[in-house]
C-alpha atoms as a PDB file:
ATOM      1  CA  MET A   1      -4.336  10.840   0.616  1.00  0.00           C
ATOM      2  CA  ALA A   2      -6.953   8.132   1.145  1.00  0.00           C
ATOM      3  CA  ASP A   3      -9.765  10.430   0.049  1.00  0.00           C
ATOM      4  CA  GLU A   4      -7.773  11.413  -3.035  1.00  0.00           C
ATOM      5  CA  LEU A   5      -7.184   7.761  -3.946  1.00  0.00           C
ATOM      6  CA  ASP A   6     -10.837   6.903  -3.373  1.00  0.00           C
ATOM      7  CA  ASN A   7     -11.848   9.789  -5.635  1.00  0.00           C
ATOM      8  CA  THR A   8      -9.395   8.657  -8.316  1.00  0.00           C
ATOM      9  CA  ILE A   9     -10.756   5.098  -8.251  1.00  0.00           C
ATOM     10  CA  ALA A  10     -14.312   6.435  -8.521  1.00  0.00           C
ATOM     11  CA  GLU A  11     -13.377   8.668 -11.480  1.00  0.00           C
ATOM     12  CA  ASN A  12     -11.608   5.813 -13.269  1.00  0.00           C
ATOM     13  CA  ALA A  13     -14.586   3.516 -12.746  1.00  0.00           C
ATOM     14  CA  GLY A  14     -16.932   6.097 -14.268  1.00  0.00           C
ATOM     15  CA  GLY A  15     -14.743   6.841 -17.287  1.00  0.00           C
ATOM     16  CA  PRO A  16     -13.990   4.806 -20.376  1.00  0.00           C
ATOM     17  CA  LYS A  17     -11.368   2.074 -20.283  1.00  0.00           C
ATOM     18  CA  ARG A  18      -9.753   3.097 -23.562  1.00  0.00           C
ATOM     19  CA  ALA A  19      -9.872   6.369 -25.479  1.00  0.00           C
ATOM     20  CA  SER A  20      -8.170   7.558 -28.658  1.00  0.00           C
ATOM     21  CA  ALA A  21      -8.115  10.889 -30.417  1.00  0.00           C
ATOM     22  CA  ASP A  22      -5.857  12.323 -33.126  1.00  0.00           C
ATOM     23  CA  GLY A  23      -3.750   9.176 -33.218  1.00  0.00           C
ATOM     24  CA  ILE A  24      -3.157   9.181 -29.443  1.00  0.00           C
ATOM     25  CA  SER A  25      -4.496   6.216 -27.494  1.00  0.00           C
ATOM     26  CA  VAL A  26      -4.957   6.126 -23.707  1.00  0.00           C
ATOM     27  CA  GLU A  27      -5.841   3.118 -21.566  1.00  0.00           C
ATOM     28  CA  GLN A  28      -6.414   2.971 -17.800  1.00  0.00           C
ATOM     29  CA  HIS A  29      -5.569   0.187 -15.404  1.00  0.00           C
ATOM     30  CA  SER A  30      -8.330  -2.314 -14.777  1.00  0.00           C
ATOM     31  CA  ILE A  31     -10.569  -1.912 -11.726  1.00  0.00           C
ATOM     32  CA  PRO A  32      -9.286  -5.105 -10.003  1.00  0.00           C
ATOM     33  CA  ASP A  33      -5.734  -3.753 -10.366  1.00  0.00           C
ATOM     34  CA  GLN A  34      -6.793  -0.424  -8.852  1.00  0.00           C
ATOM     35  CA  ILE A  35      -8.543  -2.185  -5.965  1.00  0.00           C
ATOM     36  CA  ALA A  36      -5.447  -4.313  -5.331  1.00  0.00           C
ATOM     37  CA  ALA A  37      -3.292  -1.165  -5.294  1.00  0.00           C
ATOM     38  CA  ASP A  38      -5.700   0.480  -2.844  1.00  0.00           C
ATOM     39  CA  LYS A  39      -5.560  -2.540  -0.515  1.00  0.00           C
ATOM     40  CA  TYR A  40      -1.750  -2.583  -0.699  1.00  0.00           C
ATOM     41  CA  LEU A  41      -1.475   1.120   0.143  1.00  0.00           C
ATOM     42  CA  ALA A  42      -3.990   0.747   2.985  1.00  0.00           C
ATOM     43  CA  SER A  43      -1.958  -2.099   4.483  1.00  0.00           C
ATOM     44  CA  LYS A  44       1.217  -0.002   4.247  1.00  0.00           C
ATOM     45  CA  ARG A  45      -0.520   2.880   6.042  1.00  0.00           C
ATOM     46  CA  ALA A  46      -1.808   0.505   8.735  1.00  0.00           C
ATOM     47  CA  THR A  47       1.637  -0.910   9.509  1.00  0.00           C
ATOM     48  CA  ARG A  48       3.502   2.392   9.348  1.00  0.00           C
ATOM     49  CA  GLY A  49       3.264   3.051  13.107  1.00  0.00           C
ATOM     50  CA  VAL A  50       3.984  -0.502  14.233  1.00  0.00           C
ATOM     51  CA  ARG A  51       7.403  -0.903  15.798  1.00  0.00           C
ATOM     52  CA  LYS A  52       9.367  -4.054  15.147  1.00  0.00           C
ATOM     53  CA  PRO A  53      10.509  -5.999  18.232  1.00  0.00           C
ATOM     54  CA  ARG A  54      14.233  -6.114  18.793  1.00  0.00           C
ATOM     55  CA  LEU A  55      16.261  -9.144  19.693  1.00  0.00           C
ATOM     56  CA  LEU A  56      18.188  -8.543  22.908  1.00  0.00           C
ATOM     57  CA  ILE A  57      21.110 -10.754  23.850  1.00  0.00           C
ATOM     58  CA  ASN A  58      22.205 -10.634  27.485  1.00  0.00           C
ATOM     59  CA  ARG A  59      24.754 -12.653  29.342  1.00  0.00           C
ATOM     60  CA  ILE A  60      23.283 -14.395  32.371  1.00  0.00           C
ATOM     61  CA  SER A  61      25.544 -15.310  35.241  1.00  0.00           C
ATOM     62  CA  PRO A  62      24.219 -17.202  38.245  1.00  0.00           C
ATOM     63  CA  PRO A  63      24.792 -15.651  41.700  1.00  0.00           C
ATOM     64  CA  GLY A  64      27.929 -16.764  43.482  1.00  0.00           C
ATOM     65  CA  ALA A  65      29.799 -17.583  40.284  1.00  0.00           C
ATOM     66  CA  VAL A  66      33.266 -16.149  39.821  1.00  0.00           C
END
């Protein structure tokens, strides 16, 4: 997936920002937006395997107490 995204960003950077033909207009997202999306997805992949700590509540009773 990362290689595919890197290839997509490279293709978008090499292509035109806006194109129109036969009355149809197409515009791509800006490069800073694509870089921000790449950083966001990379951070999601990095934290995917991290387990969240649980809060454990135990009742403590001193020895000798009834």
